[in-house]
């Protein structure tokens, strides 16, 4: 099936993530700690931990930081007790926004997220107000020029849900969230290495923002992402440069 152009958006996003690598280490360490606390310290028997470690390796997180985060989760090292919270709201032009947090102080976190929305042109909504616009799934993006027919055969054989051809020639492979790493590893073994991949909340439909609206939306996302308690920000907009 056909899809919107993705390549420039993803490259832009990867560049911004690289700029924030230090903060990424801290956020991924939190996720690893929570995953280890919930399901144990062995990634072979803990899919969430395995995924969090994969995310850490994806940004070249040092092995000792990964190991220490696991030990905090299993109680071998002293750590903080985090709780998971999701906030929903609206950005520029009514764009849907979801914010996943890990925090040890819910009162602080909700105040900071609400302040970020209000100060930068958005507003927080109620639980469920935008969640129906997103699908929980794994997504891998392959570069333009990838052999689509061969990738499709390999992806479906590996257990993918869908293969999407984008207007710019890039190809997305969509997986069930729990099968993401298995499909990714199977494709890599077959010679198909994604340029980008994650388990995410994928919008069912997207809209494009341009000019000042795109700049304001990017600023809102950046401010929310910069909050210490925020792990992920999902939105249904594509930002034109």
C-alpha atoms as a PDB file:
ATOM      1  CA  UNK A   1       0.000   0.000   0.000  1.00  0.00           C
ATOM      2  CA  UNK A   2       1.134   3.590  -0.576  1.00  0.00           C
ATOM      3  CA  UNK A   3       2.094   5.967   2.210  1.00  0.00           C
ATOM      4  CA  UNK A   4       3.304   9.496   2.836  1.00  0.00           C
ATOM      5  CA  UNK A   5       6.894  10.636   2.372  1.00  0.00           C
ATOM      6  CA  UNK A   6       8.964   9.650   5.419  1.00  0.00           C
ATOM      7  CA  UNK A   7      12.667   9.758   4.601  1.00  0.00           C
ATOM      8  CA  UNK A   8      13.462  13.441   5.202  1.00  0.00           C
ATOM      9  CA  UNK A   9      11.335  13.484   8.348  1.00  0.00           C
ATOM     10  CA  UNK A  10      13.151  10.487   9.832  1.00  0.00           C
ATOM     11  CA  UNK A  11      16.608  11.819   8.938  1.00  0.00           C
ATOM     12  CA  UNK A  12      15.707  15.121  10.572  1.00  0.00           C
ATOM     13  CA  UNK A  13      14.442  13.312  13.663  1.00  0.00           C
ATOM     14  CA  UNK A  14      17.577  11.151  13.906  1.00  0.00           C
ATOM     15  CA  UNK A  15      19.738  14.252  13.731  1.00  0.00           C
ATOM     16  CA  UNK A  16      17.850  15.869  16.580  1.00  0.00           C
ATOM     17  CA  UNK A  17      18.135  12.665  18.642  1.00  0.00           C
ATOM     18  CA  UNK A  18      21.895  12.574  18.088  1.00  0.00           C
ATOM     19  CA  UNK A  19      22.127  16.119  19.429  1.00  0.00           C
ATOM     20  CA  UNK A  20      20.364  14.971  22.600  1.00  0.00           C
ATOM     21  CA  UNK A  21      22.342  11.759  23.110  1.00  0.00           C
ATOM     22  CA  UNK A  22      23.331  12.517  26.716  1.00  0.00           C
ATOM     23  CA  UNK A  23      19.700  13.018  27.671  1.00  0.00           C
ATOM     24  CA  UNK A  24      18.798   9.890  25.723  1.00  0.00           C
ATOM     25  CA  UNK A  25      21.149   7.816  27.886  1.00  0.00           C
ATOM     26  CA  UNK A  26      19.349   8.987  31.017  1.00  0.00           C
ATOM     27  CA  UNK A  27      15.885   8.283  29.627  1.00  0.00           C
ATOM     28  CA  UNK A  28      16.837   4.848  28.280  1.00  0.00           C
ATOM     29  CA  UNK A  29      18.490   3.967  31.592  1.00  0.00           C
ATOM     30  CA  UNK A  30      15.157   4.680  33.300  1.00  0.00           C
ATOM     31  CA  UNK A  31      13.357   2.410  30.855  1.00  0.00           C
ATOM     32  CA  UNK A  32      15.913  -0.377  31.376  1.00  0.00           C
ATOM     33  CA  UNK A  33      15.566  -0.062  35.161  1.00  0.00           C
ATOM     34  CA  UNK A  34      11.766  -0.232  35.053  1.00  0.00           C
ATOM     35  CA  UNK A  35      11.829  -3.147  32.606  1.00  0.00           C
ATOM     36  CA  UNK A  36      14.261  -5.094  34.797  1.00  0.00           C
ATOM     37  CA  UNK A  37      12.197  -4.387  37.908  1.00  0.00           C
ATOM     38  CA  UNK A  38       9.008  -5.599  36.254  1.00  0.00           C
ATOM     39  CA  UNK A  39      10.296  -8.649  34.423  1.00  0.00           C
ATOM     40  CA  UNK A  40      13.738  -9.552  35.780  1.00  0.00           C
ATOM     41  CA  UNK A  41      17.258  -8.819  34.651  1.00  0.00           C
ATOM     42  CA  UNK A  42      17.639 -11.462  31.931  1.00  0.00           C
ATOM     43  CA  UNK A  43      16.698 -10.008  28.515  1.00  0.00           C
ATOM     44  CA  UNK A  44      16.228 -13.519  27.117  1.00  0.00           C
ATOM     45  CA  UNK A  45      13.149 -13.878  29.330  1.00  0.00           C
ATOM     46  CA  UNK A  46      12.117 -10.211  29.443  1.00  0.00           C
ATOM     47  CA  UNK A  47      11.018  -8.789  26.053  1.00  0.00           C
ATOM     48  CA  UNK A  48      10.605  -5.250  27.377  1.00  0.00           C
ATOM     49  CA  UNK A  49      14.146  -5.270  28.787  1.00  0.00           C
ATOM     50  CA  UNK A  50      15.492  -6.687  25.529  1.00  0.00           C
ATOM     51  CA  UNK A  51      13.812  -3.868  23.621  1.00  0.00           C
ATOM     52  CA  UNK A  52      15.139  -1.203  26.005  1.00  0.00           C
ATOM     53  CA  UNK A  53      18.681  -2.570  25.719  1.00  0.00           C
ATOM     54  CA  UNK A  54      18.354  -2.583  21.917  1.00  0.00           C
ATOM     55  CA  UNK A  55      17.305   1.065  22.088  1.00  0.00           C
ATOM     56  CA  UNK A  56      20.357   1.849  24.222  1.00  0.00           C
ATOM     57  CA  UNK A  57      22.689   0.097  21.813  1.00  0.00           C
ATOM     58  CA  UNK A  58      21.072   2.071  18.993  1.00  0.00           C
ATOM     59  CA  UNK A  59      22.447   5.326  20.470  1.00  0.00           C
ATOM     60  CA  UNK A  60      25.783   3.745  21.476  1.00  0.00           C
ATOM     61  CA  UNK A  61      24.950   3.730  25.173  1.00  0.00           C
ATOM     62  CA  UNK A  62      27.976   2.373  27.110  1.00  0.00           C
ATOM     63  CA  UNK A  63      27.637  -1.198  28.343  1.00  0.00           C
ATOM     64  CA  UNK A  64      28.393  -0.228  31.949  1.00  0.00           C
ATOM     65  CA  UNK A  65      25.469   2.217  31.947  1.00  0.00           C
ATOM     66  CA  UNK A  66      23.176  -0.517  30.633  1.00  0.00           C
ATOM     67  CA  UNK A  67      24.431  -2.995  33.229  1.00  0.00           C
ATOM     68  CA  UNK A  68      24.051  -0.504  36.092  1.00  0.00           C
ATOM     69  CA  UNK A  69      20.505   0.322  35.020  1.00  0.00           C
ATOM     70  CA  UNK A  70      19.623  -3.380  35.052  1.00  0.00           C
ATOM     71  CA  UNK A  71      21.139  -3.781  38.518  1.00  0.00           C
ATOM     72  CA  UNK A  72      19.075  -0.855  39.813  1.00  0.00           C
ATOM     73  CA  UNK A  73      15.971  -2.591  38.529  1.00  0.00           C
ATOM     74  CA  UNK A  74      16.841  -5.926  40.098  1.00  0.00           C
ATOM     75  CA  UNK A  75      17.856  -4.349  43.406  1.00  0.00           C
ATOM     76  CA  UNK A  76      21.593  -5.073  43.147  1.00  0.00           C
ATOM     77  CA  UNK A  77      22.183  -1.311  43.165  1.00  0.00           C
ATOM     78  CA  UNK A  78      20.118   1.361  44.891  1.00  0.00           C
ATOM     79  CA  UNK A  79      17.633   2.983  42.536  1.00  0.00           C
ATOM     80  CA  UNK A  80      14.509   5.137  42.279  1.00  0.00           C
ATOM     81  CA  UNK A  81      10.983   3.724  42.192  1.00  0.00           C
ATOM     82  CA  UNK A  82       9.399   5.029  38.983  1.00  0.00           C
ATOM     83  CA  UNK A  83       5.761   4.965  37.904  1.00  0.00           C
ATOM     84  CA  UNK A  84       4.506   5.097  34.315  1.00  0.00           C
ATOM     85  CA  UNK A  85       2.079   7.818  33.222  1.00  0.00           C
ATOM     86  CA  UNK A  86       0.713   8.850  29.827  1.00  0.00           C
ATOM     87  CA  UNK A  87      -0.644  12.332  29.147  1.00  0.00           C
ATOM     88  CA  UNK A  88      -2.632  13.318  26.063  1.00  0.00           C
ATOM     89  CA  UNK A  89      -3.266  16.681  24.510  1.00  0.00           C
ATOM     90  CA  UNK A  90      -3.251  18.920  21.472  1.00  0.00           C
ATOM     91  CA  UNK A  91      -0.512  20.846  19.734  1.00  0.00           C
ATOM     92  CA  UNK A  92      -0.498  23.482  17.003  1.00  0.00           C
ATOM     93  CA  UNK A  93      -3.582  23.338  14.793  1.00  0.00           C
ATOM     94  CA  UNK A  94      -5.164  20.704  17.024  1.00  0.00           C
ATOM     95  CA  UNK A  95      -2.413  18.142  16.361  1.00  0.00           C
ATOM     96  CA  UNK A  96      -2.690  15.015  18.486  1.00  0.00           C
ATOM     97  CA  UNK A  97       0.079  14.599  21.068  1.00  0.00           C
ATOM     98  CA  UNK A  98       0.776  11.772  23.522  1.00  0.00           C
ATOM     99  CA  UNK A  99       3.475  11.981  26.181  1.00  0.00           C
ATOM    100  CA  UNK A 100       4.843   8.904  27.976  1.00  0.00           C
ATOM    101  CA  UNK A 101       6.582   9.541  31.300  1.00  0.00           C
ATOM    102  CA  UNK A 102       8.487   7.675  33.986  1.00  0.00           C
ATOM    103  CA  UNK A 103       8.478   9.606  37.250  1.00  0.00           C
ATOM    104  CA  UNK A 104       8.982   9.404  40.990  1.00  0.00           C
ATOM    105  CA  UNK A 105       6.756  12.458  41.523  1.00  0.00           C
ATOM    106  CA  UNK A 106       3.483  12.554  39.582  1.00  0.00           C
ATOM    107  CA  UNK A 107       2.534  16.026  40.876  1.00  0.00           C
ATOM    108  CA  UNK A 108       5.764  17.530  39.539  1.00  0.00           C
ATOM    109  CA  UNK A 109       5.472  15.751  36.208  1.00  0.00           C
ATOM    110  CA  UNK A 110       1.895  16.722  35.386  1.00  0.00           C
ATOM    111  CA  UNK A 111       2.652  20.345  36.286  1.00  0.00           C
ATOM    112  CA  UNK A 112       5.706  20.442  34.027  1.00  0.00           C
ATOM    113  CA  UNK A 113       3.935  18.789  31.083  1.00  0.00           C
ATOM    114  CA  UNK A 114       0.885  21.041  31.407  1.00  0.00           C
ATOM    115  CA  UNK A 115       3.099  24.129  31.612  1.00  0.00           C
ATOM    116  CA  UNK A 116       4.965  23.086  28.448  1.00  0.00           C
ATOM    117  CA  UNK A 117       1.700  22.611  26.550  1.00  0.00           C
ATOM    118  CA  UNK A 118       0.217  25.890  27.727  1.00  0.00           C
ATOM    119  CA  UNK A 119       3.338  28.003  27.162  1.00  0.00           C
ATOM    120  CA  UNK A 120       3.941  26.776  23.621  1.00  0.00           C
ATOM    121  CA  UNK A 121       0.530  26.866  22.005  1.00  0.00           C
ATOM    122  CA  UNK A 122      -0.980  23.531  23.002  1.00  0.00           C
ATOM    123  CA  UNK A 123      -3.219  22.238  25.749  1.00  0.00           C
ATOM    124  CA  UNK A 124      -3.558  19.050  27.762  1.00  0.00           C
ATOM    125  CA  UNK A 125      -6.649  16.923  27.248  1.00  0.00           C
ATOM    126  CA  UNK A 126      -8.330  14.092  29.085  1.00  0.00           C
ATOM    127  CA  UNK A 127      -7.294  10.431  29.082  1.00  0.00           C
ATOM    128  CA  UNK A 128      -8.184   8.846  25.756  1.00  0.00           C
ATOM    129  CA  UNK A 129      -8.803  12.104  23.913  1.00  0.00           C
ATOM    130  CA  UNK A 130      -6.267  11.320  21.156  1.00  0.00           C
ATOM    131  CA  UNK A 131      -5.112   7.744  21.852  1.00  0.00           C
ATOM    132  CA  UNK A 132      -7.644   6.315  19.386  1.00  0.00           C
ATOM    133  CA  UNK A 133      -5.703   8.039  16.587  1.00  0.00           C
ATOM    134  CA  UNK A 134      -2.610   5.893  17.182  1.00  0.00           C
ATOM    135  CA  UNK A 135      -1.655   2.249  16.759  1.00  0.00           C
ATOM    136  CA  UNK A 136       0.844   0.497  19.037  1.00  0.00           C
ATOM    137  CA  UNK A 137       3.279  -1.300  16.730  1.00  0.00           C
ATOM    138  CA  UNK A 138       6.860  -1.803  15.649  1.00  0.00           C
ATOM    139  CA  UNK A 139       8.114   0.261  12.700  1.00  0.00           C
ATOM    140  CA  UNK A 140      11.282  -0.157  10.624  1.00  0.00           C
ATOM    141  CA  UNK A 141      12.261   2.235   7.840  1.00  0.00           C
ATOM    142  CA  UNK A 142      14.411   1.081   4.921  1.00  0.00           C
ATOM    143  CA  UNK A 143      16.269   3.373   2.545  1.00  0.00           C
ATOM    144  CA  UNK A 144      15.049   4.277  -0.936  1.00  0.00           C
ATOM    145  CA  UNK A 145      16.434   1.773  -3.428  1.00  0.00           C
ATOM    146  CA  UNK A 146      15.812  -1.252  -1.207  1.00  0.00           C
ATOM    147  CA  UNK A 147      14.495  -4.232  -3.184  1.00  0.00           C
ATOM    148  CA  UNK A 148      10.838  -3.924  -2.285  1.00  0.00           C
ATOM    149  CA  UNK A 149       9.702  -7.331  -3.520  1.00  0.00           C
ATOM    150  CA  UNK A 150      12.489  -9.162  -1.708  1.00  0.00           C
ATOM    151  CA  UNK A 151      11.980  -7.153   1.476  1.00  0.00           C
ATOM    152  CA  UNK A 152       8.237  -7.775   1.391  1.00  0.00           C
ATOM    153  CA  UNK A 153       8.724 -11.525   1.018  1.00  0.00           C
ATOM    154  CA  UNK A 154      11.270 -11.593   3.862  1.00  0.00           C
ATOM    155  CA  UNK A 155       9.164  -9.359   6.119  1.00  0.00           C
ATOM    156  CA  UNK A 156       5.944 -11.321   5.737  1.00  0.00           C
ATOM    157  CA  UNK A 157       7.836 -14.573   6.244  1.00  0.00           C
ATOM    158  CA  UNK A 158       9.377 -13.103   9.425  1.00  0.00           C
ATOM    159  CA  UNK A 159       5.954 -12.222  10.846  1.00  0.00           C
ATOM    160  CA  UNK A 160       5.451  -8.571   9.860  1.00  0.00           C
ATOM    161  CA  UNK A 161       1.924  -7.151   9.659  1.00  0.00           C
ATOM    162  CA  UNK A 162       2.425  -4.878   6.667  1.00  0.00           C
ATOM    163  CA  UNK A 163       4.951  -3.386   4.241  1.00  0.00           C
ATOM    164  CA  UNK A 164       4.333   0.231   3.190  1.00  0.00           C
ATOM    165  CA  UNK A 165       5.922   1.882   0.133  1.00  0.00           C
ATOM    166  CA  UNK A 166       6.371   5.622   0.653  1.00  0.00           C
ATOM    167  CA  UNK A 167       6.300   8.339  -2.007  1.00  0.00           C
ATOM    168  CA  UNK A 168      10.023   9.020  -1.624  1.00  0.00           C
ATOM    169  CA  UNK A 169      11.001   5.384  -2.265  1.00  0.00           C
ATOM    170  CA  UNK A 170      11.592   4.447   1.359  1.00  0.00           C
ATOM    171  CA  UNK A 171       9.820   1.373   2.711  1.00  0.00           C
ATOM    172  CA  UNK A 172       8.267   0.794   6.119  1.00  0.00           C
ATOM    173  CA  UNK A 173       7.827  -2.602   7.730  1.00  0.00           C
ATOM    174  CA  UNK A 174       5.107  -2.707  10.393  1.00  0.00           C
ATOM    175  CA  UNK A 175       5.150  -5.415  13.087  1.00  0.00           C
ATOM    176  CA  UNK A 176       3.187  -6.392  16.176  1.00  0.00           C
ATOM    177  CA  UNK A 177       4.910  -4.638  19.108  1.00  0.00           C
ATOM    178  CA  UNK A 178       5.909  -7.890  20.770  1.00  0.00           C
ATOM    179  CA  UNK A 179       7.464  -9.263  17.578  1.00  0.00           C
ATOM    180  CA  UNK A 180       9.476  -6.193  16.600  1.00  0.00           C
ATOM    181  CA  UNK A 181      12.917  -7.426  17.660  1.00  0.00           C
ATOM    182  CA  UNK A 182      12.386 -10.921  16.268  1.00  0.00           C
ATOM    183  CA  UNK A 183      11.330  -9.531  12.876  1.00  0.00           C
ATOM    184  CA  UNK A 184      14.193  -6.995  12.919  1.00  0.00           C
ATOM    185  CA  UNK A 185      16.808  -9.651  13.686  1.00  0.00           C
ATOM    186  CA  UNK A 186      15.379 -11.992  11.034  1.00  0.00           C
ATOM    187  CA  UNK A 187      15.497  -9.250   8.394  1.00  0.00           C
ATOM    188  CA  UNK A 188      19.028  -8.255   9.356  1.00  0.00           C
ATOM    189  CA  UNK A 189      20.100 -11.886   9.024  1.00  0.00           C
ATOM    190  CA  UNK A 190      18.606 -11.839   5.517  1.00  0.00           C
ATOM    191  CA  UNK A 191      20.633  -8.742   4.619  1.00  0.00           C
ATOM    192  CA  UNK A 192      17.991  -6.053   5.227  1.00  0.00           C
ATOM    193  CA  UNK A 193      19.225  -3.537   7.798  1.00  0.00           C
ATOM    194  CA  UNK A 194      16.760  -0.740   8.684  1.00  0.00           C
ATOM    195  CA  UNK A 195      17.960   2.840   8.814  1.00  0.00           C
ATOM    196  CA  UNK A 196      15.624   3.468  11.723  1.00  0.00           C
ATOM    197  CA  UNK A 197      13.361   1.333  13.875  1.00  0.00           C
ATOM    198  CA  UNK A 198      11.335   1.460  17.074  1.00  0.00           C
ATOM    199  CA  UNK A 199       8.256   0.265  18.892  1.00  0.00           C
ATOM    200  CA  UNK A 200       6.012   3.291  18.846  1.00  0.00           C
ATOM    201  CA  UNK A 201       2.528   4.736  18.777  1.00  0.00           C
ATOM    202  CA  UNK A 202       2.083   5.172  15.026  1.00  0.00           C
ATOM    203  CA  UNK A 203      -0.589   7.650  13.915  1.00  0.00           C
ATOM    204  CA  UNK A 204      -3.318   6.115  11.768  1.00  0.00           C
ATOM    205  CA  UNK A 205      -3.324   9.295   9.656  1.00  0.00           C
ATOM    206  CA  UNK A 206      -0.924  12.226   9.492  1.00  0.00           C
ATOM    207  CA  UNK A 207      -1.198  15.882   8.550  1.00  0.00           C
ATOM    208  CA  UNK A 208       1.591  18.212   7.466  1.00  0.00           C
ATOM    209  CA  UNK A 209       2.438  21.493   9.138  1.00  0.00           C
ATOM    210  CA  UNK A 210       4.511  24.096   7.306  1.00  0.00           C
ATOM    211  CA  UNK A 211       6.069  27.491   7.979  1.00  0.00           C
ATOM    212  CA  UNK A 212       5.471  29.094  11.358  1.00  0.00           C
ATOM    213  CA  UNK A 213       3.100  26.325  12.434  1.00  0.00           C
ATOM    214  CA  UNK A 214       5.800  23.705  11.826  1.00  0.00           C
ATOM    215  CA  UNK A 215       8.352  25.783  13.746  1.00  0.00           C
ATOM    216  CA  UNK A 216       5.983  26.246  16.685  1.00  0.00           C
ATOM    217  CA  UNK A 217       5.083  22.536  16.720  1.00  0.00           C
ATOM    218  CA  UNK A 218       8.745  21.530  16.697  1.00  0.00           C
ATOM    219  CA  UNK A 219       9.386  23.883  19.581  1.00  0.00           C
ATOM    220  CA  UNK A 220       6.508  22.367  21.575  1.00  0.00           C
ATOM    221  CA  UNK A 221       7.844  18.847  20.952  1.00  0.00           C
ATOM    222  CA  UNK A 222      11.398  19.871  21.876  1.00  0.00           C
ATOM    223  CA  UNK A 223      10.303  21.478  25.142  1.00  0.00           C
ATOM    224  CA  UNK A 224       8.204  18.472  26.181  1.00  0.00           C
ATOM    225  CA  UNK A 225      10.971  16.027  25.211  1.00  0.00           C
ATOM    226  CA  UNK A 226      13.493  18.005  27.263  1.00  0.00           C
ATOM    227  CA  UNK A 227      11.597  17.380  30.514  1.00  0.00           C
ATOM    228  CA  UNK A 228      13.454  14.910  32.721  1.00  0.00           C
ATOM    229  CA  UNK A 229      10.407  12.728  33.338  1.00  0.00           C
ATOM    230  CA  UNK A 230       9.370  12.444  29.670  1.00  0.00           C
ATOM    231  CA  UNK A 231      10.355   9.261  27.834  1.00  0.00           C
ATOM    232  CA  UNK A 232       8.564   9.598  24.487  1.00  0.00           C
ATOM    233  CA  UNK A 233       6.443  12.119  22.599  1.00  0.00           C
ATOM    234  CA  UNK A 234       4.129  10.910  19.829  1.00  0.00           C
ATOM    235  CA  UNK A 235       2.280  13.140  17.372  1.00  0.00           C
ATOM    236  CA  UNK A 236       0.273  12.768  14.182  1.00  0.00           C
ATOM    237  CA  UNK A 237       1.954  15.587  12.271  1.00  0.00           C
ATOM    238  CA  UNK A 238       4.762  15.622   9.747  1.00  0.00           C
ATOM    239  CA  UNK A 239       6.817  18.806   9.866  1.00  0.00           C
ATOM    240  CA  UNK A 240       7.895  20.353   6.568  1.00  0.00           C
ATOM    241  CA  UNK A 241      11.329  21.987   6.672  1.00  0.00           C
END
